[in-house]
Amino acid sequence: MRFGAASLELDWEINEAGKAEFTFTGFDEMDETSGKVWATLAQGRLVGQLKFHQGDKSGLIAERWKTAKAL
């Protein structure tokens, strides 16, 4: 997963309630980092929270990329 200056590898599973739970390791601005994410499906989008270990946390919304139609 890439966003901003972060490049992360994910390990995930779906729990019994249907919530996706992720852990991640990787780099953020060349510094090693790790953390966790949870997300649920709501109106066709993943909605949840990302938290860096001993650091910032942020809400997240992920949706499919829309591609241009061929002419």
N, C-alpha and C. Protein backbone atom coordinates (compact mmCIF):
# COMPACT_ATOMS: atom_id res chain seq x y z
N MET A 1 0.87 -1.16 0.00
CA MET A 1 0.00 0.00 0.00
C MET A 1 0.91 1.21 0.00
N ARG A 2 0.56 2.18 -0.80
CA ARG A 2 1.32 3.43 -0.84
C ARG A 2 0.37 4.61 -0.69
N PHE A 3 0.77 5.55 0.14
CA PHE A 3 0.08 6.83 0.23
C PHE A 3 1.05 7.84 0.78
N GLY A 4 1.01 9.05 0.25
CA GLY A 4 1.97 10.07 0.67
C GLY A 4 3.38 9.53 0.55
N ALA A 5 4.19 9.68 1.62
CA ALA A 5 5.57 9.19 1.63
C ALA A 5 5.68 7.81 2.24
N ALA A 6 4.55 7.15 2.53
CA ALA A 6 4.57 5.83 3.17
C ALA A 6 4.46 4.71 2.13
N SER A 7 5.27 3.67 2.34
CA SER A 7 5.22 2.46 1.53
C SER A 7 5.11 1.30 2.51
N LEU A 8 3.99 0.57 2.49
CA LEU A 8 3.70 -0.40 3.54
C LEU A 8 3.34 -1.76 2.98
N GLU A 9 3.70 -2.83 3.71
CA GLU A 9 3.26 -4.19 3.42
C GLU A 9 2.17 -4.54 4.41
N LEU A 10 1.09 -5.15 3.94
CA LEU A 10 -0.07 -5.44 4.78
C LEU A 10 -0.20 -6.92 5.08
N ASP A 11 -0.72 -7.22 6.27
CA ASP A 11 -1.14 -8.56 6.65
C ASP A 11 -2.55 -8.37 7.20
N TRP A 12 -3.55 -9.05 6.64
CA TRP A 12 -4.93 -8.75 7.02
C TRP A 12 -5.75 -10.01 7.19
N GLU A 13 -6.89 -9.83 7.86
CA GLU A 13 -7.90 -10.88 7.99
C GLU A 13 -9.26 -10.23 8.25
N ILE A 14 -10.30 -10.99 7.98
CA ILE A 14 -11.66 -10.53 8.25
C ILE A 14 -12.13 -11.21 9.53
N ASN A 15 -12.61 -10.42 10.51
CA ASN A 15 -13.07 -11.05 11.76
C ASN A 15 -14.51 -11.52 11.62
N GLU A 16 -15.05 -12.13 12.66
CA GLU A 16 -16.40 -12.71 12.62
C GLU A 16 -17.49 -11.68 12.37
N ALA A 17 -17.25 -10.43 12.74
CA ALA A 17 -18.24 -9.37 12.54
C ALA A 17 -18.14 -8.75 11.15
N GLY A 18 -17.20 -9.23 10.31
CA GLY A 18 -17.05 -8.69 8.96
C GLY A 18 -16.13 -7.49 8.87
N LYS A 19 -15.45 -7.15 9.97
CA LYS A 19 -14.51 -6.02 9.96
C LYS A 19 -13.15 -6.52 9.49
N ALA A 20 -12.53 -5.82 8.56
CA ALA A 20 -11.18 -6.14 8.11
C ALA A 20 -10.19 -5.52 9.09
N GLU A 21 -9.22 -6.33 9.53
CA GLU A 21 -8.19 -5.85 10.44
C GLU A 21 -6.83 -6.11 9.81
N PHE A 22 -5.99 -5.09 9.76
CA PHE A 22 -4.69 -5.15 9.12
C PHE A 22 -3.60 -4.80 10.12
N THR A 23 -2.43 -5.38 9.96
CA THR A 23 -1.21 -4.85 10.55
C THR A 23 -0.31 -4.50 9.38
N PHE A 24 0.62 -3.57 9.60
CA PHE A 24 1.51 -3.20 8.52
C PHE A 24 2.91 -2.92 9.03
N THR A 25 3.88 -3.11 8.14
CA THR A 25 5.27 -2.72 8.35
C THR A 25 5.71 -2.03 7.07
N GLY A 26 6.70 -1.17 7.18
CA GLY A 26 7.19 -0.50 5.99
C GLY A 26 8.00 0.73 6.33
N PHE A 27 7.94 1.69 5.44
CA PHE A 27 8.73 2.90 5.59
C PHE A 27 7.85 4.13 5.39
N ASP A 28 8.11 5.16 6.18
CA ASP A 28 7.45 6.46 6.06
C ASP A 28 8.55 7.51 6.07
N GLU A 29 8.75 8.17 4.95
CA GLU A 29 9.83 9.13 4.76
C GLU A 29 11.18 8.51 5.13
N MET A 30 11.43 7.27 4.67
CA MET A 30 12.67 6.54 4.85
C MET A 30 12.87 5.98 6.26
N ASP A 31 11.94 6.20 7.19
CA ASP A 31 12.03 5.65 8.54
C ASP A 31 11.18 4.39 8.62
N GLU A 32 11.69 3.33 9.28
CA GLU A 32 10.89 2.12 9.47
C GLU A 32 9.67 2.45 10.31
N THR A 33 8.55 1.81 9.99
CA THR A 33 7.32 2.06 10.71
C THR A 33 6.46 0.80 10.75
N SER A 34 5.49 0.80 11.64
CA SER A 34 4.52 -0.30 11.71
C SER A 34 3.25 0.25 12.34
N GLY A 35 2.20 -0.54 12.30
CA GLY A 35 0.94 -0.11 12.90
C GLY A 35 -0.18 -1.04 12.57
N LYS A 36 -1.39 -0.52 12.74
CA LYS A 36 -2.58 -1.34 12.48
C LYS A 36 -3.67 -0.49 11.85
N VAL A 37 -4.59 -1.19 11.19
CA VAL A 37 -5.71 -0.57 10.50
C VAL A 37 -6.94 -1.44 10.73
N TRP A 38 -8.10 -0.83 10.85
CA TRP A 38 -9.35 -1.58 10.79
C TRP A 38 -10.25 -0.86 9.80
N ALA A 39 -11.12 -1.62 9.16
CA ALA A 39 -12.03 -1.02 8.18
C ALA A 39 -13.26 -1.89 8.02
N THR A 40 -14.39 -1.25 7.74
CA THR A 40 -15.62 -1.95 7.43
C THR A 40 -16.15 -1.44 6.10
N LEU A 41 -16.99 -2.23 5.46
CA LEU A 41 -17.59 -1.84 4.19
C LEU A 41 -18.84 -1.03 4.46
N ALA A 42 -18.92 0.18 3.91
CA ALA A 42 -20.07 1.06 4.08
C ALA A 42 -20.34 1.78 2.77
N GLN A 43 -21.47 1.55 2.18
CA GLN A 43 -21.89 2.19 0.92
C GLN A 43 -20.85 2.01 -0.18
N GLY A 44 -20.29 0.79 -0.28
CA GLY A 44 -19.34 0.49 -1.34
C GLY A 44 -17.93 0.99 -1.11
N ARG A 45 -17.64 1.54 0.09
CA ARG A 45 -16.31 2.05 0.41
C ARG A 45 -15.81 1.39 1.69
N LEU A 46 -14.50 1.29 1.86
CA LEU A 46 -13.93 0.87 3.13
C LEU A 46 -13.76 2.11 4.00
N VAL A 47 -14.30 2.06 5.20
CA VAL A 47 -14.23 3.18 6.13
C VAL A 47 -13.62 2.66 7.42
N GLY A 48 -12.59 3.33 7.94
CA GLY A 48 -11.96 2.84 9.16
C GLY A 48 -10.95 3.81 9.72
N GLN A 49 -9.90 3.24 10.34
CA GLN A 49 -8.88 4.05 10.99
C GLN A 49 -7.51 3.39 10.82
N LEU A 50 -6.48 4.20 10.58
CA LEU A 50 -5.10 3.77 10.47
C LEU A 50 -4.33 4.36 11.64
N LYS A 51 -3.51 3.55 12.33
CA LYS A 51 -2.73 4.03 13.47
C LYS A 51 -1.30 3.54 13.35
N PHE A 52 -0.35 4.48 13.34
CA PHE A 52 1.07 4.15 13.36
C PHE A 52 1.46 3.82 14.79
N HIS A 53 2.31 2.78 15.00
CA HIS A 53 2.77 2.38 16.33
C HIS A 53 3.47 3.56 16.99
N GLN A 54 3.02 3.94 18.18
CA GLN A 54 3.55 5.06 18.95
C GLN A 54 3.56 6.36 18.14
N GLY A 55 2.51 6.56 17.35
CA GLY A 55 2.48 7.76 16.51
C GLY A 55 1.08 8.21 16.18
N ASP A 56 0.94 8.81 15.02
CA ASP A 56 -0.31 9.41 14.58
C ASP A 56 -1.35 8.36 14.23
N LYS A 57 -2.62 8.79 14.26
CA LYS A 57 -3.70 7.97 13.75
C LYS A 57 -4.59 8.86 12.89
N SER A 58 -5.29 8.22 11.98
CA SER A 58 -6.11 8.97 11.04
C SER A 58 -7.28 8.12 10.57
N GLY A 59 -8.39 8.76 10.30
CA GLY A 59 -9.50 8.08 9.67
C GLY A 59 -9.14 7.80 8.22
N LEU A 60 -9.81 6.81 7.63
CA LEU A 60 -9.55 6.53 6.23
C LEU A 60 -10.84 6.16 5.51
N ILE A 61 -10.87 6.50 4.26
CA ILE A 61 -11.94 6.09 3.36
C ILE A 61 -11.26 5.64 2.07
N ALA A 62 -11.54 4.40 1.66
CA ALA A 62 -10.95 3.86 0.43
C ALA A 62 -12.08 3.45 -0.51
N GLU A 63 -11.95 3.84 -1.76
CA GLU A 63 -12.95 3.45 -2.74
C GLU A 63 -12.26 3.07 -4.05
N ARG A 64 -12.98 2.30 -4.87
CA ARG A 64 -12.42 1.88 -6.15
C ARG A 64 -12.10 3.07 -7.03
N TRP A 65 -11.00 2.94 -7.77
CA TRP A 65 -10.65 3.95 -8.75
C TRP A 65 -11.64 3.88 -9.88
N LYS A 66 -12.06 5.00 -10.36
CA LYS A 66 -12.93 5.04 -11.52
C LYS A 66 -12.04 5.23 -12.74
N THR A 67 -12.19 4.35 -13.73
CA THR A 67 -11.38 4.46 -14.93
C THR A 67 -12.18 5.16 -16.02
N ALA A 68 -11.48 5.84 -16.89
CA ALA A 68 -12.12 6.51 -18.02
C ALA A 68 -12.65 5.48 -19.00
N LYS A 69 -13.80 5.73 -19.55
CA LYS A 69 -14.37 4.84 -20.54
C LYS A 69 -13.67 5.03 -21.87
N ALA A 70 -13.42 3.92 -22.58
CA ALA A 70 -12.79 3.98 -23.90
C ALA A 70 -13.77 4.58 -24.90
N LEU A 71 -13.28 5.40 -25.82
CA LEU A 71 -14.13 5.99 -26.84
C LEU A 71 -14.26 5.10 -28.03
